[in-house]
N, C-alpha and C. Protein backbone atom coordinates (compact mmCIF):
# COMPACT_ATOMS: atom_id res chain seq x y z
N MET A 1 203.98 46.49 190.11
CA MET A 1 204.42 45.23 191.07
C MET A 1 203.38 44.36 190.98
N ALA A 2 203.64 43.13 191.17
CA ALA A 2 202.83 41.99 191.22
C ALA A 2 202.26 41.49 192.60
N ALA A 3 200.99 41.14 192.44
CA ALA A 3 200.67 40.49 193.89
C ALA A 3 199.88 39.03 193.74
N PHE A 4 200.54 38.30 194.74
CA PHE A 4 199.83 37.09 194.75
C PHE A 4 199.09 36.73 196.13
N LEU A 5 197.93 36.29 196.08
CA LEU A 5 197.15 36.30 197.28
C LEU A 5 196.51 34.89 197.76
N ARG A 6 196.56 34.65 198.97
CA ARG A 6 195.87 33.14 199.55
C ARG A 6 195.12 33.61 200.53
N LYS A 7 193.98 33.02 200.62
CA LYS A 7 193.03 33.33 201.98
C LYS A 7 193.79 32.47 202.95
N ASN A 8 193.65 33.13 204.21
CA ASN A 8 194.11 32.61 205.40
C ASN A 8 192.92 32.56 206.41
N ASP A 9 193.01 31.66 207.26
CA ASP A 9 191.95 31.79 208.57
C ASP A 9 192.37 32.41 209.74
N LEU A 10 193.26 33.56 209.60
CA LEU A 10 194.06 34.04 210.70
C LEU A 10 193.24 35.43 210.83
N PRO A 11 193.25 36.05 211.99
CA PRO A 11 192.37 37.31 212.23
C PRO A 11 193.04 38.58 211.41
N GLN A 12 194.30 38.38 210.85
CA GLN A 12 195.16 39.59 210.03
C GLN A 12 195.63 38.94 208.84
N HIS A 13 196.13 40.03 208.06
CA HIS A 13 196.46 39.97 206.90
C HIS A 13 197.96 39.56 207.13
N ARG A 14 198.87 39.08 206.19
CA ARG A 14 200.11 38.75 206.21
C ARG A 14 200.91 39.05 205.23
N LEU A 15 202.21 39.50 205.02
CA LEU A 15 202.78 40.07 203.90
C LEU A 15 204.45 39.25 203.64
N GLY A 16 204.46 39.08 202.71
CA GLY A 16 205.65 38.58 201.99
C GLY A 16 206.44 39.35 200.92
N VAL A 17 207.48 39.45 200.84
CA VAL A 17 207.99 40.52 199.60
C VAL A 17 209.06 39.75 199.17
N THR A 18 209.19 39.54 197.68
CA THR A 18 210.28 38.96 196.78
C THR A 18 210.82 40.12 196.33
N ALA A 19 212.19 40.16 196.27
CA ALA A 19 212.94 41.30 195.41
C ALA A 19 214.37 40.74 194.81
N SER A 20 214.10 39.93 193.92
CA SER A 20 215.09 39.46 193.23
C SER A 20 216.09 40.27 192.61
N THR A 21 217.57 39.83 192.71
CA THR A 21 218.60 40.30 192.15
C THR A 21 218.20 40.64 190.55
N LYS A 22 217.69 39.77 189.88
CA LYS A 22 217.35 40.05 188.45
C LYS A 22 216.27 41.25 188.25
N ALA A 23 215.47 41.03 189.06
CA ALA A 23 214.30 42.27 188.95
C ALA A 23 214.94 43.68 189.45
N ILE A 24 215.70 43.61 190.49
CA ILE A 24 216.15 44.98 191.17
C ILE A 24 217.39 45.11 191.04
N GLY A 25 218.25 44.34 191.13
CA GLY A 25 219.74 44.59 191.11
C GLY A 25 220.37 44.44 192.63
N LYS A 26 221.36 45.59 192.99
CA LYS A 26 222.18 45.41 194.14
C LYS A 26 221.05 45.21 195.48
N SER A 27 221.87 44.77 196.35
CA SER A 27 221.18 44.64 197.71
C SER A 27 220.62 45.86 198.35
N VAL A 28 221.16 47.07 198.35
CA VAL A 28 220.95 48.02 198.82
C VAL A 28 219.45 48.55 198.06
N ASP A 29 219.22 48.45 196.75
CA ASP A 29 218.22 48.84 196.21
C ASP A 29 216.83 47.59 196.64
N ARG A 30 217.55 46.00 196.72
CA ARG A 30 216.46 45.24 197.16
C ARG A 30 215.88 45.40 198.37
N ASN A 31 216.90 45.93 199.50
CA ASN A 31 216.27 46.10 200.53
C ASN A 31 215.32 47.24 200.50
N ARG A 32 215.75 48.43 199.99
CA ARG A 32 214.81 49.66 200.00
C ARG A 32 213.34 49.21 199.43
N ALA A 33 213.56 48.30 198.07
CA ALA A 33 212.09 48.04 197.62
C ALA A 33 211.31 47.24 198.73
N ARG A 34 212.08 46.33 199.38
CA ARG A 34 211.38 45.44 200.68
C ARG A 34 210.77 46.39 201.46
N ARG A 35 211.72 47.55 201.89
CA ARG A 35 211.13 48.51 202.85
C ARG A 35 209.96 49.32 202.45
N LEU A 36 209.95 49.76 201.19
CA LEU A 36 208.91 50.64 200.62
C LEU A 36 207.48 49.59 200.48
N LEU A 37 207.58 48.52 199.96
CA LEU A 37 206.53 47.59 200.12
C LEU A 37 206.05 47.32 201.52
N ARG A 38 206.91 47.19 202.71
CA ARG A 38 206.27 46.79 203.86
C ARG A 38 205.69 48.14 204.45
N GLU A 39 206.02 49.40 204.20
CA GLU A 39 205.62 50.55 204.74
C GLU A 39 204.34 50.70 203.87
N LEU A 40 204.20 50.40 202.60
CA LEU A 40 202.93 50.65 201.97
C LEU A 40 201.81 49.68 202.60
N PHE A 41 202.22 48.62 202.65
CA PHE A 41 201.42 47.42 203.35
C PHE A 41 200.87 48.06 204.97
N ARG A 42 201.65 48.44 205.68
CA ARG A 42 201.39 49.09 206.93
C ARG A 42 200.58 50.00 206.93
N ARG A 43 200.59 50.97 205.95
CA ARG A 43 199.96 52.22 205.91
C ARG A 43 198.56 52.14 205.22
N SER A 44 198.52 50.72 204.70
CA SER A 44 196.94 50.37 204.15
C SER A 44 196.19 49.85 204.91
N ARG A 45 196.46 49.77 206.21
CA ARG A 45 195.61 48.93 206.94
C ARG A 45 194.03 49.17 206.96
N ASN A 46 193.39 50.37 206.53
CA ASN A 46 191.94 50.62 206.53
C ASN A 46 191.76 50.02 205.33
N GLU A 47 192.47 49.97 204.11
CA GLU A 47 191.75 49.46 202.83
C GLU A 47 191.72 47.97 203.27
N LEU A 48 193.02 47.35 203.91
CA LEU A 48 192.84 45.77 204.15
C LEU A 48 191.73 45.47 205.01
N ASP A 49 191.63 46.21 205.87
CA ASP A 49 190.62 45.72 206.99
C ASP A 49 188.86 45.83 206.49
N ALA A 50 189.01 46.66 205.16
CA ALA A 50 187.76 46.66 204.85
C ALA A 50 187.23 45.39 203.89
N LEU A 51 188.42 44.63 203.72
CA LEU A 51 187.85 43.43 202.79
C LEU A 51 187.26 42.20 203.70
N GLY A 52 186.62 41.52 203.16
CA GLY A 52 185.78 40.70 203.84
C GLY A 52 186.55 39.17 204.52
N GLN A 53 187.56 38.91 203.71
CA GLN A 53 188.58 37.95 203.83
C GLN A 53 189.88 38.30 204.42
N ARG A 54 190.48 37.62 205.04
CA ARG A 54 192.00 38.09 205.40
C ARG A 54 192.87 37.05 204.34
N TYR A 55 194.03 37.74 204.13
CA TYR A 55 195.01 36.95 202.99
C TYR A 55 196.23 37.19 203.17
N ASP A 56 197.32 36.16 203.11
CA ASP A 56 198.41 36.13 202.74
C ASP A 56 198.79 36.76 201.33
N TRP A 57 199.71 38.06 201.35
CA TRP A 57 199.87 38.68 200.21
C TRP A 57 201.44 38.61 199.78
N VAL A 58 201.73 38.11 199.02
CA VAL A 58 203.26 38.19 198.46
C VAL A 58 203.39 39.40 197.20
N PHE A 59 204.22 40.19 197.60
CA PHE A 59 204.53 41.11 196.43
C PHE A 59 206.03 40.78 195.93
N ASN A 60 205.83 40.93 194.60
CA ASN A 60 207.11 40.94 193.69
C ASN A 60 207.45 42.27 193.39
N ALA A 61 208.65 42.75 193.81
CA ALA A 61 208.74 43.97 193.70
C ALA A 61 209.77 44.21 192.27
N ARG A 62 209.25 45.28 191.78
CA ARG A 62 209.93 45.76 190.04
C ARG A 62 210.95 46.69 190.47
N ARG A 63 211.88 47.04 189.59
CA ARG A 63 212.85 48.08 189.58
C ARG A 63 212.13 49.36 189.27
N ALA A 64 210.91 49.27 188.67
CA ALA A 64 210.07 50.70 188.56
C ALA A 64 209.76 51.42 190.17
N LEU A 65 209.57 50.44 191.05
CA LEU A 65 209.15 50.72 192.36
C LEU A 65 209.97 51.78 192.97
N LEU A 66 211.10 51.69 192.58
CA LEU A 66 212.27 52.59 193.36
C LEU A 66 212.13 53.82 192.69
N SER A 67 211.62 53.98 191.57
CA SER A 67 211.89 55.34 190.89
C SER A 67 210.38 56.04 190.94
N SER A 68 209.29 55.21 191.23
CA SER A 68 208.28 55.77 191.33
C SER A 68 207.86 56.67 192.72
N ASN A 69 206.60 57.66 192.54
CA ASN A 69 206.39 58.34 193.79
C ASN A 69 205.59 57.53 194.68
N GLU A 70 205.33 58.28 195.93
CA GLU A 70 204.50 57.43 196.86
C GLU A 70 203.16 57.28 196.34
N GLU A 71 202.62 58.47 195.76
CA GLU A 71 201.07 58.50 195.31
C GLU A 71 201.26 57.27 194.43
N LEU A 72 201.92 57.19 193.47
CA LEU A 72 201.97 56.18 192.15
C LEU A 72 201.61 54.65 193.18
N ARG A 73 202.68 54.72 193.91
CA ARG A 73 202.61 52.99 194.71
C ARG A 73 201.30 53.01 195.58
N PHE A 74 200.85 54.13 196.38
CA PHE A 74 199.37 53.70 196.66
C PHE A 74 198.36 53.74 195.77
N ARG A 75 198.31 54.23 194.62
CA ARG A 75 197.42 54.15 193.73
C ARG A 75 197.39 52.94 193.25
N GLU A 76 198.48 52.23 192.92
CA GLU A 76 198.43 50.85 192.24
C GLU A 76 198.24 49.90 193.39
N PHE A 77 198.46 49.97 194.61
CA PHE A 77 198.03 48.86 195.60
C PHE A 77 196.48 49.00 195.97
N ARG A 78 196.10 50.27 195.93
CA ARG A 78 194.59 50.29 196.18
C ARG A 78 193.60 49.85 194.98
N ARG A 79 194.31 49.89 193.68
CA ARG A 79 193.82 49.37 192.65
C ARG A 79 193.94 47.89 192.73
N ILE A 80 194.65 47.46 193.52
CA ILE A 80 194.77 45.91 193.64
C ILE A 80 193.75 45.75 194.64
N VAL A 81 193.90 46.15 195.60
CA VAL A 81 192.56 45.90 196.72
C VAL A 81 191.21 45.87 196.30
N GLU A 82 190.85 46.89 195.23
CA GLU A 82 189.66 47.16 194.67
C GLU A 82 189.42 45.91 194.05
N GLN A 83 190.38 45.39 193.32
CA GLN A 83 190.01 44.17 192.28
C GLN A 83 189.55 42.97 193.26
N VAL A 84 190.49 42.82 194.39
CA VAL A 84 190.22 41.80 195.42
C VAL A 84 188.80 41.95 195.93
N ALA A 85 188.37 43.07 196.22
CA ALA A 85 187.05 43.28 196.89
C ALA A 85 185.95 43.04 195.75
N ARG A 86 186.28 43.43 194.39
CA ARG A 86 185.10 43.16 193.44
C ARG A 86 184.90 41.74 193.37
N ASP A 87 186.20 41.04 193.21
CA ASP A 87 186.18 39.42 193.25
C ASP A 87 185.47 38.49 194.59
N GLU A 88 185.54 39.11 195.71
CA GLU A 88 184.86 38.51 196.76
C GLU A 88 183.28 39.06 196.49
N GLU A 89 183.01 39.94 195.97
CA GLU A 89 181.72 40.43 195.93
C GLU A 89 181.26 39.41 194.65
N LEU A 90 181.93 39.07 193.65
CA LEU A 90 181.19 38.13 192.40
C LEU A 90 181.03 36.88 192.99
N HIS A 91 181.90 36.37 194.13
CA HIS A 91 182.00 34.97 194.59
C HIS A 91 181.03 35.07 195.85
N ARG A 92 180.60 36.08 196.46
CA ARG A 92 179.36 35.93 197.37
C ARG A 92 178.14 36.06 196.92
N LEU A 93 177.86 36.50 195.58
CA LEU A 93 176.46 36.25 195.07
C LEU A 93 176.15 34.90 194.75
């Protein structure tokens, strides 16, 4: 998955998801990809709340998302959150 972030001044993170026909395929698969990413975001509240800043997140879904297992999806998302946390630390110094 690809993630794009922008800082926001709101008290919570916000999520946007793109799932194009070219990247995913049929509408059933695009809707499933969007549901999977929204659930991933919802269940990662603790990791997100640990960040110092709040962000608007936009995920670009890829076809591989549909065939991956839950553990792999969470691992990939945690990697992205850890990278954001490292960037926050670097910019804080």
